[in-house]
Protein backbone atom coordinates (compact mmCIF):
# COMPACT_ATOMS: atom_id res chain seq x y z
CA MET A 1 21.54 2.11 0.14
CA ASP A 2 18.47 1.83 2.36
CA ILE A 3 17.11 -1.38 3.86
CA ARG A 4 14.50 -1.95 1.15
CA GLU A 5 17.16 -1.68 -1.55
CA ARG A 6 19.34 -4.16 0.34
CA ILE A 7 16.46 -6.65 0.48
CA ALA A 8 15.61 -6.11 -3.19
CA ASN A 9 19.26 -6.60 -4.18
CA ALA A 10 19.83 -9.67 -2.00
CA LYS A 11 21.43 -12.44 -4.04
CA SER A 12 19.89 -15.31 -2.09
CA PRO A 13 16.99 -16.00 0.31
CA GLU A 14 19.55 -16.43 3.08
CA GLU A 15 21.02 -12.97 2.43
CA MET A 16 17.55 -11.43 2.41
CA GLU A 17 16.52 -13.18 5.63
CA LYS A 18 19.29 -11.54 7.64
CA TYR A 19 17.57 -8.17 7.19
CA LEU A 20 14.11 -9.42 8.22
CA LEU A 21 12.57 -9.38 11.69
CA ASP A 22 9.81 -11.48 13.21
CA LEU A 23 7.51 -10.60 16.11
CA ASP A 24 10.05 -11.49 18.80
CA SER A 25 13.05 -9.84 17.15
CA GLU A 26 14.63 -7.01 19.15
CA PHE A 27 15.66 -3.54 18.05
CA ARG A 28 16.78 -0.44 19.92
CA PHE A 29 14.93 2.84 19.46
CA LYS A 30 13.32 5.54 21.59
CA CYS A 31 11.25 8.31 20.04
CA ARG A 32 12.15 11.82 21.26
CA ARG A 33 9.11 13.43 19.61
CA CYS A 34 11.40 15.72 17.65
CA GLY A 35 9.20 15.65 14.53
CA LYS A 36 12.07 14.94 12.15
CA CYS A 37 10.22 11.99 10.67
CA CYS A 38 7.35 14.35 9.74
CA LYS A 39 9.61 16.66 7.71
CA ASN A 40 11.66 16.22 4.57
CA GLN A 41 9.78 13.00 4.08
CA ASP A 42 8.84 12.11 0.54
CA THR A 43 8.30 8.36 0.72
CA ILE A 44 4.90 7.97 2.43
CA LEU A 45 2.36 5.94 0.47
CA PHE A 46 -1.20 5.79 1.80
CA ASN A 47 -3.16 2.58 1.77
CA THR A 48 -6.95 2.47 1.62
CA ARG A 49 -7.41 2.19 5.38
CA ASP A 50 -5.14 5.18 5.99
CA ILE A 51 -7.23 7.36 3.69
CA TYR A 52 -10.52 6.17 5.19
CA ASN A 53 -9.29 6.79 8.77
CA ILE A 54 -7.95 10.26 7.95
CA ALA A 55 -11.17 11.19 6.12
CA LYS A 56 -13.28 10.04 9.04
CA LYS A 57 -11.08 11.89 11.56
CA ILE A 58 -11.16 15.26 9.79
CA GLY A 59 -14.71 15.03 8.45
CA LYS A 60 -13.92 14.80 4.74
CA THR A 61 -14.40 12.26 1.99
CA PRO A 62 -11.59 9.95 0.83
CA LYS A 63 -11.57 11.82 -2.47
CA GLN A 64 -11.03 15.15 -0.67
CA VAL A 65 -8.19 13.69 1.42
CA ILE A 66 -6.45 12.47 -1.73
CA GLU A 67 -6.94 15.82 -3.48
CA GLU A 68 -5.70 17.87 -0.49
CA CYS A 69 -2.88 15.70 0.88
CA ALA A 70 -1.63 13.49 -1.90
CA GLU A 71 -1.00 12.81 -5.55
CA VAL A 72 -1.90 9.77 -7.60
CA TYR A 73 0.41 8.19 -10.12
CA ILE A 74 0.99 4.82 -11.72
CA GLY A 75 3.71 2.93 -9.85
CA ASP A 76 6.85 2.24 -11.89
CA SER A 77 7.00 -1.41 -10.82
CA SER A 78 3.46 -2.11 -9.62
CA ARG A 79 1.81 -0.46 -12.67
CA ILE A 80 -1.30 0.33 -10.62
CA PRO A 81 -2.44 3.62 -9.05
CA VAL A 82 -0.59 4.55 -5.86
CA VAL A 83 -1.45 7.42 -3.53
CA HIS A 84 1.62 9.36 -2.41
CA MET A 85 1.62 11.95 0.37
CA VAL A 86 2.78 15.35 -0.91
CA PRO A 87 4.92 17.35 1.57
CA VAL A 88 4.26 21.09 1.87
CA GLY A 89 6.28 24.25 2.53
CA PRO A 90 10.03 24.91 2.62
CA GLN A 91 10.51 22.26 5.33
CA ARG A 92 8.57 19.74 3.25
CA ARG A 93 6.30 19.01 6.18
CA CYS A 94 3.60 16.38 6.27
CA PRO A 95 0.32 18.10 5.26
CA LEU A 96 -1.30 16.59 8.38
CA LEU A 97 1.16 18.28 10.74
CA LEU A 98 -0.20 21.12 12.87
CA PRO A 99 1.72 24.44 13.21
CA ASP A 100 2.84 23.45 16.73
CA GLY A 101 4.40 20.28 15.38
CA ARG A 102 1.71 17.87 16.57
CA CYS A 103 0.04 15.36 14.27
CA SER A 104 -3.58 16.28 13.50
CA VAL A 105 -4.48 12.60 13.10
CA HIS A 106 -2.23 11.13 15.80
CA ASP A 107 -4.77 8.55 17.00
CA CYS A 108 -5.29 7.22 13.46
CA LYS A 109 -2.02 8.16 11.76
CA PRO A 110 -1.02 6.21 8.65
CA THR A 111 0.30 2.75 9.46
CA VAL A 112 3.72 3.50 7.99
CA CYS A 113 4.01 6.42 10.46
CA ALA A 114 2.77 4.42 13.44
CA LEU A 115 5.24 1.63 12.70
CA TYR A 116 8.29 3.90 12.34
CA PRO A 117 11.18 3.10 12.51
CA LEU A 118 9.86 -0.35 11.65
CA GLY A 119 8.62 -1.23 8.21
CA ARG A 120 6.38 -4.13 7.28
CA VAL A 121 6.82 -6.28 4.18
CA ALA A 122 4.77 -9.01 2.54
CA LEU A 123 6.85 -11.81 1.07
CA PHE A 124 5.32 -14.05 -1.57
CA GLN A 125 6.23 -17.73 -1.42
CA ASP A 126 5.30 -21.05 -3.04
CA VAL A 127 4.16 -19.34 -6.25
CA LYS A 128 4.82 -22.03 -8.85
CA ASP A 129 2.86 -20.53 -11.74
CA LYS A 130 3.54 -16.89 -12.52
CA ASP A 131 0.06 -16.59 -14.07
CA ALA A 132 -1.74 -18.10 -11.07
CA GLU A 133 -3.78 -16.03 -8.66
CA ILE A 134 -1.92 -15.08 -5.48
CA THR A 135 -3.79 -16.02 -2.30
CA ARG A 136 -3.24 -15.34 1.39
CA GLU A 137 -1.52 -18.75 1.67
CA ASN A 138 1.28 -17.32 -0.49
CA ILE A 139 1.99 -14.42 1.88
CA ARG A 140 4.44 -14.28 4.76
CA VAL A 141 4.61 -11.08 6.84
CA LYS A 142 7.99 -9.86 8.10
CA TYR A 143 9.37 -6.60 9.49
CA ILE A 144 12.41 -4.48 8.85
CA ILE A 145 14.16 -1.69 10.75
CA ASN A 146 14.42 1.34 8.51
CA ASP A 147 17.40 3.66 8.42
CA TYR A 148 16.70 6.62 10.72
CA ASN A 149 18.44 9.79 11.89
CA CYS A 150 16.35 10.70 14.91
CA GLY A 151 15.46 9.32 18.33
CA SER A 152 17.98 7.33 20.35
CA ALA A 153 19.06 3.74 20.88
CA LYS A 154 18.39 3.81 24.64
CA LYS A 155 15.28 1.64 24.65
CA ARG A 156 15.14 -2.06 23.83
CA ASN A 157 11.94 -3.15 22.05
CA THR A 158 10.56 -6.24 20.40
CA VAL A 159 8.49 -5.99 17.25
CA ARG A 160 5.59 -7.45 19.20
CA SER A 161 5.76 -4.81 21.95
CA TRP A 162 6.09 -2.01 19.39
CA LEU A 163 2.96 -3.13 17.57
CA ALA A 164 1.05 -3.37 20.85
CA GLN A 165 2.14 0.13 21.86
CA PHE A 166 0.48 1.56 18.75
CA GLN A 167 -2.54 -0.78 18.64
CA ILE A 168 -1.37 -2.42 15.42
CA PRO A 169 -2.66 -6.01 15.25
CA GLU A 170 -0.07 -8.76 15.02
CA GLU A 171 -2.34 -10.59 12.60
CA ASP A 172 -3.50 -7.68 10.47
CA GLU A 173 -6.24 -9.09 8.26
CA PHE A 174 -6.45 -5.93 6.20
CA PHE A 175 -2.72 -5.86 5.47
CA ILE A 176 -2.77 -9.42 4.16
CA ARG A 177 -5.87 -8.89 2.02
CA TRP A 178 -4.59 -5.54 0.77
CA ASN A 179 -1.42 -7.24 -0.49
CA VAL A 180 -3.39 -10.04 -2.13
CA VAL A 181 -5.49 -7.52 -4.04
CA THR A 182 -2.66 -5.21 -5.07
CA VAL A 183 -0.26 -7.95 -6.20
CA ASN A 184 -2.97 -9.54 -8.36
CA LEU A 185 -3.92 -6.17 -9.83
CA SER A 186 -0.27 -5.49 -10.56
CA ALA A 187 0.13 -8.83 -12.35
CA MET A 188 -3.00 -8.17 -14.40
CA VAL A 189 -1.92 -4.74 -15.61
CA ARG A 190 1.65 -5.81 -16.37
CA LYS A 191 0.32 -8.75 -18.41
CA LEU A 192 -1.96 -6.45 -20.38
CA GLU A 193 0.95 -4.08 -21.05
CA GLU A 194 3.05 -7.02 -22.26
CA ASN A 195 0.22 -7.81 -24.68
CA ASN A 196 0.31 -4.24 -26.00
CA CYS A 197 -3.05 -3.32 -24.56
CA SER A 198 -4.25 0.12 -25.72
CA GLU A 199 -3.69 3.21 -23.59
CA HIS A 200 -7.46 3.78 -23.62
CA THR A 201 -8.13 0.38 -22.05
CA LEU A 202 -5.37 0.83 -19.46
CA GLN A 203 -6.68 4.26 -18.51
CA MET A 204 -10.18 2.87 -17.97
CA LEU A 205 -8.75 0.10 -15.82
CA TRP A 206 -6.61 2.48 -13.77
CA ASN A 207 -9.62 4.73 -13.14
CA ALA A 208 -11.72 1.75 -12.05
CA ILE A 209 -8.96 0.49 -9.74
CA LEU A 210 -8.42 3.92 -8.18
CA PHE A 211 -12.13 4.42 -7.57
CA ALA A 212 -12.82 0.97 -6.12
CA LEU A 213 -9.62 0.66 -4.12
CA TYR A 214 -9.27 4.15 -2.64
CA VAL A 215 -12.26 6.42 -3.25
CA ASP A 216 -15.58 4.57 -3.01
CA TYR A 217 -15.94 4.55 0.79
CA ASP A 218 -18.51 6.10 3.11
CA THR A 219 -16.92 7.10 6.43
CA LYS A 220 -20.32 6.78 8.14
CA GLU A 221 -20.09 3.02 7.50
CA ASP A 222 -17.57 0.50 8.86
CA PHE A 223 -14.43 0.17 6.82
CA MET A 224 -13.86 -3.58 6.43
CA PRO A 225 -17.21 -4.53 4.86
CA GLN A 226 -16.63 -1.82 2.25
CA PHE A 227 -13.09 -2.98 1.61
CA GLU A 228 -14.29 -6.58 1.27
CA LYS A 229 -16.74 -5.42 -1.40
CA ALA A 230 -13.95 -3.64 -3.27
CA GLU A 231 -11.71 -6.69 -2.83
CA GLU A 232 -14.31 -9.00 -4.39
CA TYR A 233 -14.89 -6.66 -7.33
CA LEU A 234 -11.20 -6.16 -8.04
CA LEU A 235 -10.21 -9.84 -7.71
CA ASN A 236 -13.07 -10.77 -10.05
CA LEU A 237 -11.75 -8.17 -12.45
CA CYS A 238 -8.31 -9.80 -12.28
CA ARG A 239 -9.81 -13.23 -12.97
CA LYS A 240 -11.75 -11.90 -15.93
CA PHE A 241 -8.70 -10.37 -17.59
CA ARG A 242 -6.46 -13.31 -16.63
CA ASP A 243 -8.80 -15.73 -18.38
CA MET A 244 -8.75 -13.53 -21.45
CA THR A 245 -4.99 -13.16 -21.65
CA MET A 246 -4.28 -16.86 -21.03
CA ASP A 247 -6.14 -17.94 -24.17
CA GLN A 248 -5.94 -14.56 -25.84
CA ARG A 249 -5.47 -14.15 -29.54
CA PRO A 250 -2.59 -11.85 -30.48
CA ASP A 251 -4.78 -8.72 -30.51
CA THR A 252 -6.43 -7.33 -27.39
CA ASP A 253 -10.01 -7.01 -28.59
CA GLY A 254 -11.19 -9.07 -25.63
CA ALA A 255 -9.48 -6.75 -23.18
CA GLU A 256 -10.97 -3.73 -24.95
CA THR A 257 -14.46 -5.24 -24.72
CA ALA A 258 -14.03 -6.09 -21.04
CA ALA A 259 -12.76 -2.59 -20.26
CA ASN A 260 -15.71 -1.06 -22.05
CA ASP A 261 -18.00 -3.11 -19.79
CA LEU A 262 -16.63 -1.29 -16.74
CA GLU A 263 -18.90 1.24 -15.17
CA PRO A 264 -17.64 4.77 -15.88
CA VAL A 265 -16.14 6.48 -12.84
CA ASN A 266 -15.19 10.03 -12.03
CA VAL A 267 -12.22 10.50 -9.73
């Protein structure tokens, strides 16, 4: 059982807390640059910033990066589109790995790669109404040490020093806002599915989410203002559907109408 399963299966907050790290927690790890973490790896999910940074680095569009390096599917638990890195070749190598074993996007590698062997989790607290909108005040950021089979335990690190080494901000505004958006989108879609929303409506929503969240970015422009625009659009979408489902009649005509009001997108 890996660390994320242990946390998910924890029977109490106290049991869960023993697996979590804060900024001054210590762990032992030294990277040997062996490249093992870039092979036989099938668990990398890209966030929006990862895709934008990779696209900018290699001179392609976010859509091209997704088409060439990843696959999109609807998450089993989140019920929203997720972008999953697809390994290549008999060694199941990262598609961004060069033939000599170096990373082609080392200076802007995906956050999950830069953090390794750490992982970062967003915990949601003080949520008293399951139908209420989640805000940044409900989020607490913690870290975990993933199971690993490479490197050595010769070097003592703190979470804080590890983040600094890879220029990852301690207070990562994007990470917090990303989690606010995705958890609200997830709640919206799951609620619609509970209300037996039509497949047609869900497909239109999923396309709109994928386009706004991952695709509709210009790498010639700064990232955060574009993400903030997508954030506003998607949170407003959540509010619109939440209002409908809270006083919704048994059918989903309102959801169908709202979905039909979405601008058509091609992804």
